[in-house]
């Protein structure tokens, strides 16, 4: 399946289809997802089966994440 960006509401929120966030993401797909985030602010990725590490890795599409300190 190829990447698809489907708007869900005017000016905010889109569904990203055709990407498995548990697998490495190609540079061009990372850019498309990042651009979609900048244009829509809220992204929905349905039916992802992610480990905690998969989720942390996938978030790097949006920039560097810092260390989270326990409260």
PDB file of N, CA and C in Angstrom:
ATOM      1  N   UNK A   1       0.844  -1.184   0.000  1.00  0.00           N
ATOM      2  CA  UNK A   1       0.000   0.000   0.000  1.00  0.00           C
ATOM      3  C   UNK A   1       0.888   1.246   0.000  1.00  0.00           C
ATOM      4  N   UNK A   2       0.492   2.241  -0.726  1.00  0.00           N
ATOM      5  CA  UNK A   2       1.249   3.482  -0.763  1.00  0.00           C
ATOM      6  C   UNK A   2       0.691   4.465   0.256  1.00  0.00           C
ATOM      7  N   UNK A   3       1.514   5.406   0.635  1.00  0.00           N
ATOM      8  CA  UNK A   3       1.129   6.402   1.623  1.00  0.00           C
ATOM      9  C   UNK A   3      -0.011   7.255   1.093  1.00  0.00           C
ATOM     10  N   UNK A   4      -1.017   7.462   1.935  1.00  0.00           N
ATOM     11  CA  UNK A   4      -2.133   8.346   1.604  1.00  0.00           C
ATOM     12  C   UNK A   4      -2.396   9.240   2.805  1.00  0.00           C
ATOM     13  N   UNK A   5      -2.664  10.501   2.532  1.00  0.00           N
ATOM     14  CA  UNK A   5      -3.012  11.463   3.565  1.00  0.00           C
ATOM     15  C   UNK A   5      -4.447  11.888   3.292  1.00  0.00           C
ATOM     16  N   UNK A   6      -5.351  11.505   4.210  1.00  0.00           N
ATOM     17  CA  UNK A   6      -6.777  11.723   4.011  1.00  0.00           C
ATOM     18  C   UNK A   6      -7.267  12.754   5.023  1.00  0.00           C
ATOM     19  N   UNK A   7      -7.641  13.967   4.566  1.00  0.00           N
ATOM     20  CA  UNK A   7      -8.164  14.968   5.493  1.00  0.00           C
ATOM     21  C   UNK A   7      -9.439  14.469   6.171  1.00  0.00           C
ATOM     22  N   UNK A   8      -9.548  14.715   7.476  1.00  0.00           N
ATOM     23  CA  UNK A   8     -10.732  14.297   8.232  1.00  0.00           C
ATOM     24  C   UNK A   8     -11.593  15.473   8.650  1.00  0.00           C
ATOM     25  N   UNK A   9     -11.014  16.652   8.681  1.00  0.00           N
ATOM     26  CA  UNK A   9     -11.741  17.871   9.041  1.00  0.00           C
ATOM     27  C   UNK A   9     -11.051  19.032   8.337  1.00  0.00           C
ATOM     28  N   UNK A  10     -11.791  20.081   8.051  1.00  0.00           N
ATOM     29  CA  UNK A  10     -11.162  21.229   7.388  1.00  0.00           C
ATOM     30  C   UNK A  10     -10.059  21.842   8.251  1.00  0.00           C
ATOM     31  N   UNK A  11      -8.882  22.002   7.675  1.00  0.00           N
ATOM     32  CA  UNK A  11      -7.762  22.711   8.281  1.00  0.00           C
ATOM     33  C   UNK A  11      -7.107  22.018   9.471  1.00  0.00           C
ATOM     34  N   UNK A  12      -7.638  20.906   9.918  1.00  0.00           N
ATOM     35  CA  UNK A  12      -7.030  20.201  11.052  1.00  0.00           C
ATOM     36  C   UNK A  12      -7.446  18.735  10.987  1.00  0.00           C
ATOM     37  N   UNK A  13      -6.533  17.881  11.241  1.00  0.00           N
ATOM     38  CA  UNK A  13      -6.724  16.441  11.357  1.00  0.00           C
ATOM     39  C   UNK A  13      -6.737  15.719  10.009  1.00  0.00           C
ATOM     40  N   UNK A  14      -5.835  14.763   9.895  1.00  0.00           N
ATOM     41  CA  UNK A  14      -5.763  13.913   8.709  1.00  0.00           C
ATOM     42  C   UNK A  14      -5.399  12.503   9.153  1.00  0.00           C
ATOM     43  N   UNK A  15      -5.878  11.543   8.379  1.00  0.00           N
ATOM     44  CA  UNK A  15      -5.513  10.146   8.618  1.00  0.00           C
ATOM     45  C   UNK A  15      -4.372   9.784   7.680  1.00  0.00           C
ATOM     46  N   UNK A  16      -3.360   9.133   8.246  1.00  0.00           N
ATOM     47  CA  UNK A  16      -2.242   8.649   7.458  1.00  0.00           C
ATOM     48  C   UNK A  16      -2.466   7.163   7.216  1.00  0.00           C
ATOM     49  N   UNK A  17      -2.524   6.780   5.959  1.00  0.00           N
ATOM     50  CA  UNK A  17      -2.750   5.389   5.582  1.00  0.00           C
ATOM     51  C   UNK A  17      -1.536   4.878   4.809  1.00  0.00           C
ATOM     52  N   UNK A  18      -1.323   3.579   4.883  1.00  0.00           N
ATOM     53  CA  UNK A  18      -0.287   2.955   4.076  1.00  0.00           C
ATOM     54  C   UNK A  18       1.099   2.975   4.683  1.00  0.00           C
ATOM     55  N   UNK A  19       1.187   3.164   5.999  1.00  0.00           N
ATOM     56  CA  UNK A  19       2.480   3.141   6.663  1.00  0.00           C
ATOM     57  C   UNK A  19       2.381   2.261   7.907  1.00  0.00           C
ATOM     58  N   UNK A  20       3.387   1.427   8.106  1.00  0.00           N
ATOM     59  CA  UNK A  20       3.471   0.584   9.297  1.00  0.00           C
ATOM     60  C   UNK A  20       4.555   1.189  10.177  1.00  0.00           C
ATOM     61  N   UNK A  21       4.147   1.830  11.267  1.00  0.00           N
ATOM     62  CA  UNK A  21       5.091   2.533  12.129  1.00  0.00           C
ATOM     63  C   UNK A  21       6.015   1.601  12.905  1.00  0.00           C
ATOM     64  N   UNK A  22       5.769   0.308  12.853  1.00  0.00           N
ATOM     65  CA  UNK A  22       6.669  -0.636  13.526  1.00  0.00           C
ATOM     66  C   UNK A  22       7.868  -1.011  12.656  1.00  0.00           C
ATOM     67  N   UNK A  23       7.858  -0.543  11.409  1.00  0.00           N
ATOM     68  CA  UNK A  23       8.944  -0.817  10.460  1.00  0.00           C
ATOM     69  C   UNK A  23       9.717   0.477  10.194  1.00  0.00           C
ATOM     70  N   UNK A  24      10.957   0.360   9.721  1.00  0.00           N
ATOM     71  CA  UNK A  24      11.695   1.572   9.352  1.00  0.00           C
ATOM     72  C   UNK A  24      10.926   2.374   8.293  1.00  0.00           C
ATOM     73  N   UNK A  25      10.980   3.695   8.417  1.00  0.00           N
ATOM     74  CA  UNK A  25      10.243   4.581   7.517  1.00  0.00           C
ATOM     75  C   UNK A  25      11.246   5.262   6.590  1.00  0.00           C
ATOM     76  N   UNK A  26      11.020   5.133   5.297  1.00  0.00           N
ATOM     77  CA  UNK A  26      11.909   5.737   4.296  1.00  0.00           C
ATOM     78  C   UNK A  26      11.922   7.254   4.449  1.00  0.00           C
ATOM     79  N   UNK A  27      13.034   7.864   4.074  1.00  0.00           N
ATOM     80  CA  UNK A  27      13.202   9.314   4.229  1.00  0.00           C
ATOM     81  C   UNK A  27      12.108  10.109   3.525  1.00  0.00           C
ATOM     82  N   UNK A  28      11.728   9.712   2.321  1.00  0.00           N
ATOM     83  CA  UNK A  28      10.688  10.458   1.603  1.00  0.00           C
ATOM     84  C   UNK A  28       9.328  10.331   2.291  1.00  0.00           C
ATOM     85  N   UNK A  29       9.044   9.177   2.884  1.00  0.00           N
ATOM     86  CA  UNK A  29       7.781   8.977   3.610  1.00  0.00           C
ATOM     87  C   UNK A  29       7.813   9.777   4.910  1.00  0.00           C
ATOM     88  N   UNK A  30       8.960   9.784   5.585  1.00  0.00           N
ATOM     89  CA  UNK A  30       9.111  10.598   6.804  1.00  0.00           C
ATOM     90  C   UNK A  30       8.802  12.062   6.506  1.00  0.00           C
ATOM     91  N   UNK A  31       9.321  12.553   5.376  1.00  0.00           N
ATOM     92  CA  UNK A  31       9.078  13.951   5.005  1.00  0.00           C
ATOM     93  C   UNK A  31       7.600  14.202   4.736  1.00  0.00           C
ATOM     94  N   UNK A  32       6.953  13.288   4.038  1.00  0.00           N
ATOM     95  CA  UNK A  32       5.517  13.450   3.753  1.00  0.00           C
ATOM     96  C   UNK A  32       4.698  13.463   5.038  1.00  0.00           C
ATOM     97  N   UNK A  33       5.027  12.573   5.979  1.00  0.00           N
ATOM     98  CA  UNK A  33       4.317  12.538   7.258  1.00  0.00           C
ATOM     99  C   UNK A  33       4.574  13.826   8.037  1.00  0.00           C
ATOM    100  N   UNK A  34       5.821  14.268   8.075  1.00  0.00           N
ATOM    101  CA  UNK A  34       6.159  15.500   8.787  1.00  0.00           C
ATOM    102  C   UNK A  34       5.426  16.692   8.175  1.00  0.00           C
ATOM    103  N   UNK A  35       5.402  16.789   6.860  1.00  0.00           N
ATOM    104  CA  UNK A  35       4.686  17.869   6.183  1.00  0.00           C
ATOM    105  C   UNK A  35       3.185  17.800   6.473  1.00  0.00           C
ATOM    106  N   UNK A  36       2.638  16.593   6.500  1.00  0.00           N
ATOM    107  CA  UNK A  36       1.210  16.424   6.823  1.00  0.00           C
ATOM    108  C   UNK A  36       0.923  16.921   8.234  1.00  0.00           C
ATOM    109  N   UNK A  37       1.833  16.651   9.147  1.00  0.00           N
ATOM    110  CA  UNK A  37       1.684  17.126  10.526  1.00  0.00           C
ATOM    111  C   UNK A  37       1.690  18.652  10.573  1.00  0.00           C
ATOM    112  N   UNK A  38       2.619  19.273   9.857  1.00  0.00           N
ATOM    113  CA  UNK A  38       2.678  20.733   9.838  1.00  0.00           C
ATOM    114  C   UNK A  38       1.420  21.351   9.235  1.00  0.00           C
ATOM    115  N   UNK A  39       0.832  20.683   8.258  1.00  0.00           N
ATOM    116  CA  UNK A  39      -0.353  21.202   7.577  1.00  0.00           C
ATOM    117  C   UNK A  39      -1.660  20.882   8.288  1.00  0.00           C
ATOM    118  N   UNK A  40      -1.686  19.829   9.104  1.00  0.00           N
ATOM    119  CA  UNK A  40      -2.951  19.374   9.696  1.00  0.00           C
ATOM    120  C   UNK A  40      -2.964  19.384  11.219  1.00  0.00           C
ATOM    121  N   UNK A  41      -1.822  19.445  11.843  1.00  0.00           N
ATOM    122  CA  UNK A  41      -1.659  19.516  13.300  1.00  0.00           C
ATOM    123  C   UNK A  41      -2.013  18.232  14.040  1.00  0.00           C
ATOM    124  N   UNK A  42      -2.998  17.504  13.585  1.00  0.00           N
ATOM    125  CA  UNK A  42      -3.417  16.255  14.235  1.00  0.00           C
ATOM    126  C   UNK A  42      -3.405  15.152  13.180  1.00  0.00           C
ATOM    127  N   UNK A  43      -2.681  14.073  13.487  1.00  0.00           N
ATOM    128  CA  UNK A  43      -2.624  12.945  12.561  1.00  0.00           C
ATOM    129  C   UNK A  43      -3.143  11.686  13.239  1.00  0.00           C
ATOM    130  N   UNK A  44      -3.851  10.882  12.483  1.00  0.00           N
ATOM    131  CA  UNK A  44      -4.400   9.622  12.968  1.00  0.00           C
ATOM    132  C   UNK A  44      -3.756   8.486  12.183  1.00  0.00           C
ATOM    133  N   UNK A  45      -3.183   7.544  12.911  1.00  0.00           N
ATOM    134  CA  UNK A  45      -2.596   6.339  12.326  1.00  0.00           C
ATOM    135  C   UNK A  45      -3.409   5.164  12.872  1.00  0.00           C
ATOM    136  N   UNK A  46      -4.277   4.604  12.074  1.00  0.00           N
ATOM    137  CA  UNK A  46      -5.142   3.512  12.537  1.00  0.00           C
ATOM    138  C   UNK A  46      -4.413   2.170  12.520  1.00  0.00           C
ATOM    139  N   UNK A  47      -4.872   1.279  13.391  1.00  0.00           N
ATOM    140  CA  UNK A  47      -4.476  -0.132  13.382  1.00  0.00           C
ATOM    141  C   UNK A  47      -2.968  -0.361  13.428  1.00  0.00           C
ATOM    142  N   UNK A  48      -2.299   0.368  14.272  1.00  0.00           N
ATOM    143  CA  UNK A  48      -0.865   0.183  14.464  1.00  0.00           C
ATOM    144  C   UNK A  48      -0.652  -0.728  15.673  1.00  0.00           C
ATOM    145  N   UNK A  49       0.201  -1.704  15.529  1.00  0.00           N
ATOM    146  CA  UNK A  49       0.542  -2.603  16.625  1.00  0.00           C
ATOM    147  C   UNK A  49       1.986  -2.295  17.013  1.00  0.00           C
ATOM    148  N   UNK A  50       2.160  -1.413  18.001  1.00  0.00           N
ATOM    149  CA  UNK A  50       3.483  -0.889  18.320  1.00  0.00           C
ATOM    150  C   UNK A  50       3.928  -1.272  19.714  1.00  0.00           C
ATOM    151  N   UNK A  51       5.196  -1.608  19.804  1.00  0.00           N
ATOM    152  CA  UNK A  51       5.807  -1.741  21.123  1.00  0.00           C
ATOM    153  C   UNK A  51       6.131  -0.325  21.601  1.00  0.00           C
ATOM    154  N   UNK A  52       6.537  -0.207  22.852  1.00  0.00           N
ATOM    155  CA  UNK A  52       6.923   1.103  23.361  1.00  0.00           C
ATOM    156  C   UNK A  52       8.100   1.648  22.552  1.00  0.00           C
ATOM    157  N   UNK A  53       9.061   0.791  22.221  1.00  0.00           N
ATOM    158  CA  UNK A  53      10.209   1.236  21.426  1.00  0.00           C
ATOM    159  C   UNK A  53       9.788   1.652  20.026  1.00  0.00           C
ATOM    160  N   UNK A  54       8.850   0.913  19.400  1.00  0.00           N
ATOM    161  CA  UNK A  54       8.341   1.294  18.082  1.00  0.00           C
ATOM    162  C   UNK A  54       7.751   2.696  18.126  1.00  0.00           C
ATOM    163  N   UNK A  55       6.974   2.974  19.166  1.00  0.00           N
ATOM    164  CA  UNK A  55       6.336   4.281  19.306  1.00  0.00           C
ATOM    165  C   UNK A  55       7.384   5.380  19.454  1.00  0.00           C
ATOM    166  N   UNK A  56       8.381   5.150  20.297  1.00  0.00           N
ATOM    167  CA  UNK A  56       9.439   6.142  20.469  1.00  0.00           C
ATOM    168  C   UNK A  56      10.196   6.386  19.163  1.00  0.00           C
ATOM    169  N   UNK A  57      10.465   5.319  18.438  1.00  0.00           N
ATOM    170  CA  UNK A  57      11.166   5.448  17.153  1.00  0.00           C
ATOM    171  C   UNK A  57      10.310   6.212  16.149  1.00  0.00           C
ATOM    172  N   UNK A  58       9.034   5.898  16.089  1.00  0.00           N
ATOM    173  CA  UNK A  58       8.134   6.552  15.129  1.00  0.00           C
ATOM    174  C   UNK A  58       8.007   8.048  15.405  1.00  0.00           C
ATOM    175  N   UNK A  59       8.060   8.444  16.666  1.00  0.00           N
ATOM    176  CA  UNK A  59       7.895   9.869  16.980  1.00  0.00           C
ATOM    177  C   UNK A  59       9.056  10.720  16.486  1.00  0.00           C
ATOM    178  N   UNK A  60      10.174  10.101  16.131  1.00  0.00           N
ATOM    179  CA  UNK A  60      11.297  10.888  15.632  1.00  0.00           C
ATOM    180  C   UNK A  60      10.977  11.543  14.288  1.00  0.00           C
ATOM    181  N   UNK A  61       9.912  11.109  13.622  1.00  0.00           N
ATOM    182  CA  UNK A  61       9.454  11.770  12.403  1.00  0.00           C
ATOM    183  C   UNK A  61       9.144  13.243  12.703  1.00  0.00           C
ATOM    184  N   UNK A  62       8.699  13.517  13.923  1.00  0.00           N
ATOM    185  CA  UNK A  62       8.249  14.851  14.299  1.00  0.00           C
ATOM    186  C   UNK A  62       9.339  15.673  14.972  1.00  0.00           C
ATOM    187  N   UNK A  63      10.501  15.111  15.158  1.00  0.00           N
ATOM    188  CA  UNK A  63      11.601  15.822  15.770  1.00  0.00           C
ATOM    189  C   UNK A  63      12.219  15.017  16.901  1.00  0.00           C
ATOM    190  N   UNK A  64      13.206  15.603  17.522  1.00  0.00           N
ATOM    191  CA  UNK A  64      13.925  14.936  18.605  1.00  0.00           C
ATOM    192  C   UNK A  64      13.065  14.914  19.862  1.00  0.00           C
ATOM    193  N   UNK A  65      13.061  13.790  20.548  1.00  0.00           N
ATOM    194  CA  UNK A  65      12.345  13.726  21.815  1.00  0.00           C
ATOM    195  C   UNK A  65      13.377  13.709  22.948  1.00  0.00           C
ATOM    196  N   UNK A  66      13.021  14.311  24.036  1.00  0.00           N
ATOM    197  CA  UNK A  66      13.928  14.358  25.180  1.00  0.00           C
ATOM    198  C   UNK A  66      13.624  13.234  26.143  1.00  0.00           C
ATOM    199  N   UNK A  67      14.466  13.126  27.115  1.00  0.00           N
ATOM    200  CA  UNK A  67      14.274  12.131  28.166  1.00  0.00           C
ATOM    201  C   UNK A  67      13.103  12.564  29.041  1.00  0.00           C
ATOM    202  N   UNK A  68      12.229  11.635  29.314  1.00  0.00           N
ATOM    203  CA  UNK A  68      11.082  11.916  30.186  1.00  0.00           C
ATOM    204  C   UNK A  68      11.441  11.470  31.583  1.00  0.00           C
ATOM    205  N   UNK A  69      11.365  12.388  32.509  1.00  0.00           N
ATOM    206  CA  UNK A  69      11.690  12.072  33.910  1.00  0.00           C
ATOM    207  C   UNK A  69      10.460  11.580  34.633  1.00  0.00           C
ATOM    208  N   UNK A  70      10.615  10.573  35.490  1.00  0.00           N
ATOM    209  CA  UNK A  70       9.475  10.123  36.285  1.00  0.00           C
ATOM    210  C   UNK A  70       9.060  11.229  37.246  1.00  0.00           C
ATOM    211  N   UNK A  71       7.800  11.248  37.579  1.00  0.00           N
ATOM    212  CA  UNK A  71       7.278  12.286  38.491  1.00  0.00           C
ATOM    213  C   UNK A  71       7.455  11.872  39.916  1.00  0.00           C
TER     214      UNK A  71
END
